[in-house]
């Protein structure tokens, strides 16, 4: 399809209109769609009319108090499902890039060695700013472990944050 033919899809905020259409098609009611989308009923009706005008197609037929999809409406409903699926997959793929999981470094240290371990870890902070560290028990005899709950700060005697003991 030539790009000039795609212009109709960039008019009047087509994506919100398609979201409204999908809700009405799924629920079969303008009122229920308006409630779900937290919009006023006239707004939903207006969005449906604008979408139908933009696409130059009748999307619904009135049947009693409900709405029934026309052939064009069923086709558009399938397109909406595909489009929303593509956008959901894009969101999932981008979420991993936007917010990578921070590294967690767990170290077994006897309580007396925590200050030394903290100084050593603070020296690695500039190379790994997203790293979180947790001090754990040094052996089976130690029942309590301190936790470092904040990122390390290079050059500090102790890391930022508090070392606390977890509840038993």
N, C-alpha and C. Protein backbone atom coordinates (compact mmCIF):
# COMPACT_ATOMS: atom_id res chain seq x y z
N UNK A 1 0.84 -1.16 0.00
CA UNK A 1 0.00 0.00 0.00
C UNK A 1 0.90 1.24 0.00
N UNK A 2 0.66 2.16 -0.91
CA UNK A 2 1.48 3.38 -0.94
C UNK A 2 1.24 4.21 0.32
N UNK A 3 2.26 4.95 0.71
CA UNK A 3 2.17 5.75 1.94
C UNK A 3 1.04 6.78 1.87
N UNK A 4 0.75 7.30 0.71
CA UNK A 4 -0.33 8.28 0.60
C UNK A 4 -1.68 7.66 0.98
N UNK A 5 -1.85 6.36 0.74
CA UNK A 5 -3.10 5.69 1.11
C UNK A 5 -3.19 5.49 2.62
N UNK A 6 -2.08 5.54 3.31
CA UNK A 6 -2.08 5.36 4.77
C UNK A 6 -2.48 6.62 5.52
N UNK A 7 -2.57 7.74 4.83
CA UNK A 7 -2.88 9.01 5.51
C UNK A 7 -4.17 8.96 6.30
N UNK A 8 -5.16 8.25 5.80
CA UNK A 8 -6.44 8.20 6.50
C UNK A 8 -6.30 7.63 7.90
N UNK A 9 -5.28 6.80 8.13
CA UNK A 9 -5.10 6.19 9.44
C UNK A 9 -4.43 7.12 10.44
N UNK A 10 -3.98 8.27 10.02
CA UNK A 10 -3.33 9.22 10.91
C UNK A 10 -4.22 10.42 11.22
N UNK A 11 -5.45 10.36 10.81
CA UNK A 11 -6.39 11.44 11.08
C UNK A 11 -7.14 11.17 12.37
N UNK A 12 -7.48 12.22 13.06
CA UNK A 12 -8.43 12.19 14.18
C UNK A 12 -8.04 11.25 15.31
N UNK A 13 -6.80 10.94 15.53
CA UNK A 13 -6.43 10.07 16.64
C UNK A 13 -7.00 8.68 16.49
N UNK A 14 -6.62 7.99 15.44
CA UNK A 14 -7.22 6.70 15.09
C UNK A 14 -7.03 5.64 16.16
N UNK A 15 -5.87 5.62 16.84
CA UNK A 15 -5.64 4.56 17.82
C UNK A 15 -6.65 4.60 18.97
N UNK A 16 -6.89 5.76 19.59
CA UNK A 16 -7.94 5.79 20.63
C UNK A 16 -9.31 5.37 20.10
N UNK A 17 -9.60 5.73 18.85
CA UNK A 17 -10.88 5.32 18.26
C UNK A 17 -10.95 3.80 18.11
N UNK A 18 -9.83 3.20 17.76
CA UNK A 18 -9.81 1.74 17.61
C UNK A 18 -9.95 1.06 18.97
N UNK A 19 -9.39 1.67 20.01
CA UNK A 19 -9.55 1.10 21.35
C UNK A 19 -11.02 1.16 21.77
N UNK A 20 -11.68 2.26 21.46
CA UNK A 20 -13.10 2.40 21.76
C UNK A 20 -13.90 1.38 20.95
N UNK A 21 -13.59 1.26 19.67
CA UNK A 21 -14.29 0.30 18.81
C UNK A 21 -14.15 -1.12 19.36
N UNK A 22 -12.92 -1.49 19.74
CA UNK A 22 -12.67 -2.85 20.24
C UNK A 22 -13.50 -3.13 21.48
N UNK A 23 -13.58 -2.16 22.39
CA UNK A 23 -14.36 -2.34 23.62
C UNK A 23 -15.84 -2.50 23.30
N UNK A 24 -16.38 -1.67 22.41
CA UNK A 24 -17.79 -1.76 22.04
C UNK A 24 -18.06 -3.09 21.34
N UNK A 25 -17.17 -3.50 20.44
CA UNK A 25 -17.36 -4.76 19.72
C UNK A 25 -17.33 -5.94 20.69
N UNK A 26 -16.43 -5.92 21.64
CA UNK A 26 -16.28 -7.01 22.60
C UNK A 26 -17.45 -7.07 23.57
N UNK A 27 -17.89 -5.90 24.03
CA UNK A 27 -18.94 -5.85 25.04
C UNK A 27 -20.35 -5.77 24.45
N UNK A 28 -20.45 -5.34 23.18
CA UNK A 28 -21.75 -5.26 22.52
C UNK A 28 -22.60 -4.11 22.98
N UNK A 29 -22.01 -3.14 23.67
CA UNK A 29 -22.79 -2.04 24.21
C UNK A 29 -21.91 -0.80 24.35
N UNK A 30 -22.45 0.33 23.92
CA UNK A 30 -21.74 1.60 24.07
C UNK A 30 -21.65 1.96 25.55
N UNK A 31 -22.71 1.71 26.30
CA UNK A 31 -22.74 2.04 27.73
C UNK A 31 -21.68 1.26 28.49
N UNK A 32 -21.63 -0.05 28.27
CA UNK A 32 -20.63 -0.87 29.00
C UNK A 32 -19.22 -0.51 28.58
N UNK A 33 -19.02 -0.22 27.30
CA UNK A 33 -17.69 0.19 26.83
C UNK A 33 -17.29 1.51 27.47
N UNK A 34 -18.23 2.45 27.56
CA UNK A 34 -17.94 3.74 28.19
C UNK A 34 -17.55 3.55 29.64
N UNK A 35 -18.25 2.67 30.35
CA UNK A 35 -17.91 2.39 31.75
C UNK A 35 -16.51 1.78 31.86
N UNK A 36 -16.23 0.81 31.01
CA UNK A 36 -14.91 0.16 31.06
C UNK A 36 -13.78 1.13 30.76
N UNK A 37 -14.00 2.01 29.80
CA UNK A 37 -12.96 2.95 29.37
C UNK A 37 -12.95 4.24 30.19
N UNK A 38 -13.89 4.38 31.11
CA UNK A 38 -14.01 5.59 31.93
C UNK A 38 -14.20 6.83 31.05
N UNK A 39 -15.11 6.69 30.09
CA UNK A 39 -15.46 7.78 29.20
C UNK A 39 -16.96 8.01 29.29
N UNK A 40 -17.39 9.18 28.85
CA UNK A 40 -18.82 9.47 28.77
C UNK A 40 -19.41 8.74 27.56
N UNK A 41 -20.64 8.34 27.67
CA UNK A 41 -21.30 7.62 26.58
C UNK A 41 -21.30 8.41 25.27
N UNK A 42 -21.58 9.72 25.28
CA UNK A 42 -21.53 10.47 24.02
C UNK A 42 -20.13 10.49 23.39
N UNK A 43 -19.09 10.47 24.24
CA UNK A 43 -17.72 10.44 23.71
C UNK A 43 -17.47 9.15 22.95
N UNK A 44 -17.93 8.04 23.50
CA UNK A 44 -17.76 6.75 22.82
C UNK A 44 -18.51 6.75 21.50
N UNK A 45 -19.73 7.25 21.49
CA UNK A 45 -20.52 7.30 20.25
C UNK A 45 -19.84 8.18 19.21
N UNK A 46 -19.30 9.31 19.65
CA UNK A 46 -18.61 10.23 18.72
C UNK A 46 -17.37 9.56 18.14
N UNK A 47 -16.61 8.87 18.98
CA UNK A 47 -15.40 8.19 18.50
C UNK A 47 -15.74 7.12 17.47
N UNK A 48 -16.82 6.39 17.71
CA UNK A 48 -17.25 5.36 16.74
C UNK A 48 -17.66 6.00 15.42
N UNK A 49 -18.38 7.11 15.46
CA UNK A 49 -18.80 7.80 14.23
C UNK A 49 -17.60 8.30 13.46
N UNK A 50 -16.63 8.90 14.16
CA UNK A 50 -15.43 9.41 13.49
C UNK A 50 -14.63 8.27 12.86
N UNK A 51 -14.55 7.14 13.56
CA UNK A 51 -13.83 5.99 13.00
C UNK A 51 -14.53 5.48 11.75
N UNK A 52 -15.83 5.37 11.80
CA UNK A 52 -16.59 4.90 10.64
C UNK A 52 -16.42 5.86 9.46
N UNK A 53 -16.41 7.17 9.74
CA UNK A 53 -16.19 8.16 8.66
C UNK A 53 -14.79 8.05 8.09
N UNK A 54 -13.79 7.91 8.96
CA UNK A 54 -12.40 7.82 8.51
C UNK A 54 -12.20 6.59 7.63
N UNK A 55 -12.79 5.47 8.02
CA UNK A 55 -12.62 4.23 7.27
C UNK A 55 -13.63 4.09 6.14
N UNK A 56 -14.60 5.00 6.10
CA UNK A 56 -15.65 4.97 5.08
C UNK A 56 -16.34 3.61 5.06
N UNK A 57 -16.76 3.17 6.25
CA UNK A 57 -17.43 1.87 6.38
C UNK A 57 -18.40 1.91 7.54
N UNK A 58 -19.48 1.14 7.43
CA UNK A 58 -20.42 0.98 8.53
C UNK A 58 -19.91 -0.17 9.38
N UNK A 59 -19.70 0.09 10.68
CA UNK A 59 -19.08 -0.90 11.55
C UNK A 59 -20.10 -1.65 12.40
N UNK A 60 -21.21 -1.01 12.74
CA UNK A 60 -22.24 -1.62 13.59
C UNK A 60 -23.61 -1.41 12.98
N UNK A 61 -24.52 -2.32 13.32
CA UNK A 61 -25.93 -2.15 13.02
C UNK A 61 -26.69 -2.25 14.34
N UNK A 62 -27.70 -1.41 14.47
CA UNK A 62 -28.52 -1.42 15.68
C UNK A 62 -29.45 -2.62 15.60
N UNK A 63 -29.48 -3.42 16.66
CA UNK A 63 -30.40 -4.55 16.72
C UNK A 63 -31.03 -4.56 18.11
N UNK A 64 -32.27 -4.07 18.18
CA UNK A 64 -32.91 -3.91 19.48
C UNK A 64 -32.17 -2.82 20.25
N UNK A 65 -31.75 -3.15 21.48
CA UNK A 65 -31.00 -2.19 22.29
C UNK A 65 -29.50 -2.39 22.14
N UNK A 66 -29.09 -3.42 21.42
CA UNK A 66 -27.66 -3.72 21.29
C UNK A 66 -27.12 -3.39 19.91
N UNK A 67 -25.82 -3.55 19.78
CA UNK A 67 -25.14 -3.32 18.51
C UNK A 67 -24.57 -4.63 18.01
N UNK A 68 -24.66 -4.84 16.71
CA UNK A 68 -24.13 -6.03 16.07
C UNK A 68 -23.11 -5.59 15.03
N UNK A 69 -21.99 -6.29 14.98
CA UNK A 69 -20.95 -5.95 14.01
C UNK A 69 -21.39 -6.27 12.59
N UNK A 70 -21.07 -5.40 11.68
CA UNK A 70 -21.26 -5.68 10.25
C UNK A 70 -20.04 -6.49 9.79
N UNK A 71 -20.03 -6.84 8.52
CA UNK A 71 -18.88 -7.58 7.98
C UNK A 71 -17.61 -6.73 8.12
N UNK A 72 -17.73 -5.43 7.81
CA UNK A 72 -16.58 -4.53 7.95
C UNK A 72 -16.15 -4.44 9.42
N UNK A 73 -17.11 -4.44 10.33
CA UNK A 73 -16.81 -4.40 11.75
C UNK A 73 -16.07 -5.63 12.22
N UNK A 74 -16.48 -6.81 11.72
CA UNK A 74 -15.78 -8.05 12.09
C UNK A 74 -14.35 -8.05 11.57
N UNK A 75 -14.17 -7.54 10.35
CA UNK A 75 -12.81 -7.45 9.80
C UNK A 75 -11.95 -6.51 10.64
N UNK A 76 -12.53 -5.37 11.01
CA UNK A 76 -11.78 -4.40 11.81
C UNK A 76 -11.49 -4.97 13.20
N UNK A 77 -12.40 -5.76 13.75
CA UNK A 77 -12.16 -6.37 15.05
C UNK A 77 -10.95 -7.31 14.98
N UNK A 78 -10.82 -8.06 13.91
CA UNK A 78 -9.65 -8.92 13.73
C UNK A 78 -8.37 -8.09 13.59
N UNK A 79 -8.47 -7.00 12.85
CA UNK A 79 -7.31 -6.11 12.69
C UNK A 79 -6.90 -5.53 14.04
N UNK A 80 -7.89 -5.13 14.84
CA UNK A 80 -7.61 -4.59 16.18
C UNK A 80 -6.89 -5.64 17.04
N UNK A 81 -7.35 -6.87 16.99
CA UNK A 81 -6.71 -7.93 17.78
C UNK A 81 -5.26 -8.11 17.36
N UNK A 82 -5.01 -8.09 16.05
CA UNK A 82 -3.64 -8.22 15.55
C UNK A 82 -2.79 -7.02 15.97
N UNK A 83 -3.34 -5.82 15.81
CA UNK A 83 -2.62 -4.60 16.15
C UNK A 83 -2.29 -4.56 17.63
N UNK A 84 -3.27 -4.86 18.48
CA UNK A 84 -3.02 -4.83 19.92
C UNK A 84 -2.02 -5.91 20.31
N UNK A 85 -2.06 -7.05 19.64
CA UNK A 85 -1.08 -8.11 19.90
C UNK A 85 0.34 -7.66 19.56
N UNK A 86 0.48 -6.99 18.42
CA UNK A 86 1.80 -6.48 18.01
C UNK A 86 2.29 -5.45 19.02
N UNK A 87 1.41 -4.56 19.46
CA UNK A 87 1.81 -3.54 20.42
C UNK A 87 2.16 -4.14 21.79
N UNK A 88 1.44 -5.18 22.21
CA UNK A 88 1.77 -5.86 23.48
C UNK A 88 3.14 -6.52 23.39
N UNK A 89 3.43 -7.18 22.26
CA UNK A 89 4.75 -7.81 22.08
C UNK A 89 5.85 -6.76 22.05
N UNK A 90 5.59 -5.62 21.42
CA UNK A 90 6.58 -4.55 21.39
C UNK A 90 6.84 -4.03 22.80
N UNK A 91 5.79 -3.89 23.58
CA UNK A 91 5.93 -3.41 24.96
C UNK A 91 6.76 -4.40 25.79
N UNK A 92 6.51 -5.69 25.61
CA UNK A 92 7.27 -6.70 26.34
C UNK A 92 8.75 -6.67 25.94
N UNK A 93 9.01 -6.53 24.67
CA UNK A 93 10.40 -6.50 24.20
C UNK A 93 11.12 -5.25 24.69
N UNK A 94 10.42 -4.12 24.71
CA UNK A 94 11.05 -2.88 25.15
C UNK A 94 11.19 -2.80 26.67
N UNK A 95 10.31 -3.49 27.40
CA UNK A 95 10.39 -3.45 28.86
C UNK A 95 11.72 -4.01 29.34
N UNK A 96 12.22 -5.04 28.69
CA UNK A 96 13.50 -5.62 29.08
C UNK A 96 14.65 -4.65 28.82
N UNK A 97 14.52 -3.84 27.80
CA UNK A 97 15.57 -2.88 27.46
C UNK A 97 15.49 -1.65 28.35
N UNK A 98 14.28 -1.20 28.66
CA UNK A 98 14.08 0.00 29.47
C UNK A 98 14.52 -0.20 30.91
N UNK A 99 14.14 -1.29 31.52
CA UNK A 99 14.38 -1.51 32.94
C UNK A 99 15.05 -2.85 33.16
N UNK A 100 16.34 -2.94 32.86
CA UNK A 100 17.00 -4.23 33.11
C UNK A 100 17.01 -4.53 34.61
N UNK A 101 16.91 -5.78 34.94
CA UNK A 101 16.93 -6.19 36.35
C UNK A 101 18.30 -5.88 36.94
N UNK A 102 18.33 -5.28 38.13
CA UNK A 102 19.63 -4.98 38.73
C UNK A 102 20.34 -6.26 39.16
N UNK A 103 21.65 -6.21 39.12
CA UNK A 103 22.45 -7.34 39.56
C UNK A 103 22.37 -7.41 41.08
N UNK A 104 22.35 -8.63 41.60
CA UNK A 104 22.38 -8.82 43.04
C UNK A 104 23.61 -9.66 43.35
N UNK A 105 24.43 -9.14 44.24
CA UNK A 105 25.63 -9.83 44.66
C UNK A 105 25.44 -10.25 46.10
N UNK A 106 25.48 -11.55 46.35
CA UNK A 106 25.32 -12.06 47.71
C UNK A 106 26.68 -12.54 48.21
N UNK A 107 27.03 -12.11 49.41
CA UNK A 107 28.34 -12.42 49.98
C UNK A 107 28.15 -12.96 51.38
N UNK A 108 28.83 -14.06 51.69
CA UNK A 108 28.82 -14.61 53.04
C UNK A 108 29.94 -13.96 53.83
N UNK A 109 29.59 -13.31 54.93
CA UNK A 109 30.56 -12.57 55.74
C UNK A 109 30.23 -12.77 57.21
N UNK A 110 31.25 -13.00 58.01
CA UNK A 110 31.04 -13.03 59.46
C UNK A 110 30.75 -11.61 59.89
N UNK A 111 29.98 -11.42 60.95
CA UNK A 111 29.61 -10.05 61.35
C UNK A 111 30.79 -9.10 61.51
N UNK A 112 31.89 -9.57 62.04
CA UNK A 112 33.04 -8.68 62.24
C UNK A 112 33.66 -8.26 60.91
N UNK A 113 33.44 -9.00 59.85
CA UNK A 113 34.04 -8.69 58.56
C UNK A 113 33.21 -7.79 57.67
N UNK A 114 32.01 -7.41 58.09
CA UNK A 114 31.13 -6.59 57.26
C UNK A 114 31.75 -5.25 56.87
N UNK A 115 32.41 -4.51 57.80
CA UNK A 115 33.00 -3.23 57.38
C UNK A 115 34.06 -3.40 56.30
N UNK A 116 34.90 -4.44 56.42
CA UNK A 116 35.93 -4.67 55.40
C UNK A 116 35.30 -5.05 54.07
N UNK A 117 34.29 -5.90 54.12
CA UNK A 117 33.62 -6.31 52.89
C UNK A 117 32.94 -5.12 52.23
N UNK A 118 32.35 -4.25 53.04
CA UNK A 118 31.68 -3.07 52.50
C UNK A 118 32.67 -2.16 51.79
N UNK A 119 33.86 -1.98 52.37
CA UNK A 119 34.88 -1.14 51.72
C UNK A 119 35.32 -1.76 50.40
N UNK A 120 35.52 -3.06 50.38
CA UNK A 120 35.92 -3.72 49.13
C UNK A 120 34.84 -3.59 48.06
N UNK A 121 33.60 -3.77 48.45
CA UNK A 121 32.50 -3.65 47.49
C UNK A 121 32.32 -2.22 47.00
N UNK A 122 32.55 -1.25 47.88
CA UNK A 122 32.40 0.15 47.48
C UNK A 122 33.38 0.51 46.38
N UNK A 123 34.53 -0.13 46.35
CA UNK A 123 35.50 0.12 45.29
C UNK A 123 35.03 -0.36 43.93
N UNK A 124 34.10 -1.30 43.89
CA UNK A 124 33.58 -1.81 42.61
C UNK A 124 32.35 -1.03 42.14
N UNK A 125 31.83 -0.14 42.97
CA UNK A 125 30.59 0.58 42.64
C UNK A 125 30.66 1.36 41.33
N UNK A 126 31.77 2.07 41.00
CA UNK A 126 31.79 2.81 39.73
C UNK A 126 31.66 1.90 38.51
N UNK A 127 32.12 0.68 38.61
CA UNK A 127 32.03 -0.24 37.47
C UNK A 127 30.65 -0.89 37.35
N UNK A 128 29.94 -0.97 38.44
CA UNK A 128 28.62 -1.62 38.45
C UNK A 128 27.63 -0.78 39.25
N UNK A 129 27.16 0.33 38.69
CA UNK A 129 26.28 1.21 39.46
C UNK A 129 24.93 0.60 39.80
N UNK A 130 24.48 -0.40 39.05
CA UNK A 130 23.17 -1.01 39.32
C UNK A 130 23.24 -2.19 40.28
N UNK A 131 24.41 -2.51 40.73
CA UNK A 131 24.56 -3.69 41.58
C UNK A 131 24.03 -3.41 42.98
N UNK A 132 23.30 -4.37 43.49
CA UNK A 132 22.85 -4.36 44.88
C UNK A 132 23.58 -5.49 45.58
N UNK A 133 23.96 -5.27 46.83
CA UNK A 133 24.70 -6.29 47.57
C UNK A 133 23.94 -6.69 48.80
N UNK A 134 24.10 -7.94 49.19
CA UNK A 134 23.45 -8.45 50.39
C UNK A 134 24.47 -9.29 51.14
N UNK A 135 24.64 -8.97 52.43
CA UNK A 135 25.51 -9.76 53.28
C UNK A 135 24.69 -10.89 53.89
N UNK A 136 25.21 -12.10 53.77
CA UNK A 136 24.53 -13.26 54.32
C UNK A 136 25.36 -13.92 55.40
N UNK A 137 24.83 -14.98 56.01
CA UNK A 137 25.57 -15.67 57.06
C UNK A 137 26.82 -16.33 56.48
N UNK A 138 27.86 -16.41 57.32
CA UNK A 138 29.12 -16.97 56.87
C UNK A 138 29.16 -18.47 57.00
N UNK A 139 28.31 -19.03 57.76
CA UNK A 139 28.32 -20.48 57.93
C UNK A 139 27.06 -20.95 58.59
N UNK A 140 26.94 -22.26 58.80
CA UNK A 140 25.70 -22.80 59.36
C UNK A 140 25.43 -22.34 60.79
N UNK A 141 26.45 -21.89 61.53
CA UNK A 141 26.25 -21.46 62.90
C UNK A 141 25.67 -20.06 63.02
N UNK A 142 25.71 -19.27 61.95
CA UNK A 142 25.21 -17.89 61.99
C UNK A 142 23.75 -17.87 61.58
N UNK A 143 22.88 -17.41 62.48
CA UNK A 143 21.45 -17.42 62.21
C UNK A 143 20.96 -16.09 61.68
N UNK A 144 21.72 -15.04 61.81
CA UNK A 144 21.28 -13.71 61.38
C UNK A 144 22.23 -13.18 60.32
N UNK A 145 21.68 -12.45 59.37
CA UNK A 145 22.50 -11.88 58.32
C UNK A 145 22.12 -10.43 58.12
N UNK A 146 23.11 -9.59 57.90
CA UNK A 146 22.82 -8.19 57.62
C UNK A 146 22.50 -8.01 56.15
N UNK A 147 21.67 -7.04 55.83
CA UNK A 147 21.33 -6.77 54.44
C UNK A 147 21.73 -5.35 54.09
N UNK A 148 22.30 -5.22 52.93
CA UNK A 148 22.61 -3.90 52.41
C UNK A 148 21.50 -3.56 51.44
N UNK A 149 20.72 -2.56 51.75
CA UNK A 149 19.53 -2.31 50.95
C UNK A 149 19.68 -1.15 49.98
N UNK A 150 20.86 -0.56 49.87
CA UNK A 150 21.05 0.57 48.97
C UNK A 150 22.32 0.34 48.15
N UNK A 151 22.47 1.03 47.01
CA UNK A 151 23.66 0.86 46.20
C UNK A 151 24.90 1.37 46.95
N UNK A 152 26.01 0.80 46.56
CA UNK A 152 27.27 1.19 47.19
C UNK A 152 27.77 2.52 46.64
N UNK A 153 28.49 3.25 47.45
CA UNK A 153 29.04 4.53 47.03
C UNK A 153 30.56 4.43 47.11
N UNK A 154 31.23 4.67 45.98
CA UNK A 154 32.68 4.53 45.92
C UNK A 154 33.35 5.50 46.88
N UNK A 155 34.39 5.03 47.54
CA UNK A 155 35.18 5.89 48.40
C UNK A 155 34.62 6.05 49.80
N UNK A 156 33.48 5.46 50.10
CA UNK A 156 32.93 5.61 51.44
C UNK A 156 33.45 4.50 52.33
N UNK A 157 33.50 4.78 53.60
CA UNK A 157 33.97 3.77 54.53
C UNK A 157 32.93 2.66 54.64
N UNK A 158 31.66 3.07 54.68
CA UNK A 158 30.56 2.11 54.70
C UNK A 158 29.64 2.44 53.54
N UNK A 159 28.93 1.46 53.04
CA UNK A 159 28.01 1.75 51.93
C UNK A 159 26.85 2.61 52.40
N UNK A 160 26.25 3.31 51.42
CA UNK A 160 25.03 4.06 51.71
C UNK A 160 23.96 3.06 52.14
N UNK A 161 23.07 3.48 52.95
CA UNK A 161 22.01 2.59 53.38
C UNK A 161 22.34 2.03 54.74
N UNK A 162 21.45 1.18 55.22
CA UNK A 162 21.64 0.59 56.53
C UNK A 162 21.88 -0.89 56.40
N UNK A 163 22.73 -1.43 57.22
CA UNK A 163 22.87 -2.87 57.35
C UNK A 163 21.91 -3.27 58.44
N UNK A 164 20.95 -4.08 58.12
CA UNK A 164 19.96 -4.51 59.12
C UNK A 164 19.92 -6.02 59.16
N UNK A 165 19.48 -6.54 60.24
CA UNK A 165 19.35 -7.98 60.39
C UNK A 165 17.92 -8.37 60.07
N UNK A 166 17.72 -9.41 59.25
CA UNK A 166 16.36 -9.83 58.96
C UNK A 166 15.74 -10.46 60.19
N UNK A 167 14.42 -10.43 60.24
CA UNK A 167 13.74 -11.05 61.37
C UNK A 167 13.87 -12.55 61.26
N UNK A 168 13.99 -13.22 62.38
CA UNK A 168 14.23 -14.67 62.41
C UNK A 168 13.02 -15.45 62.01
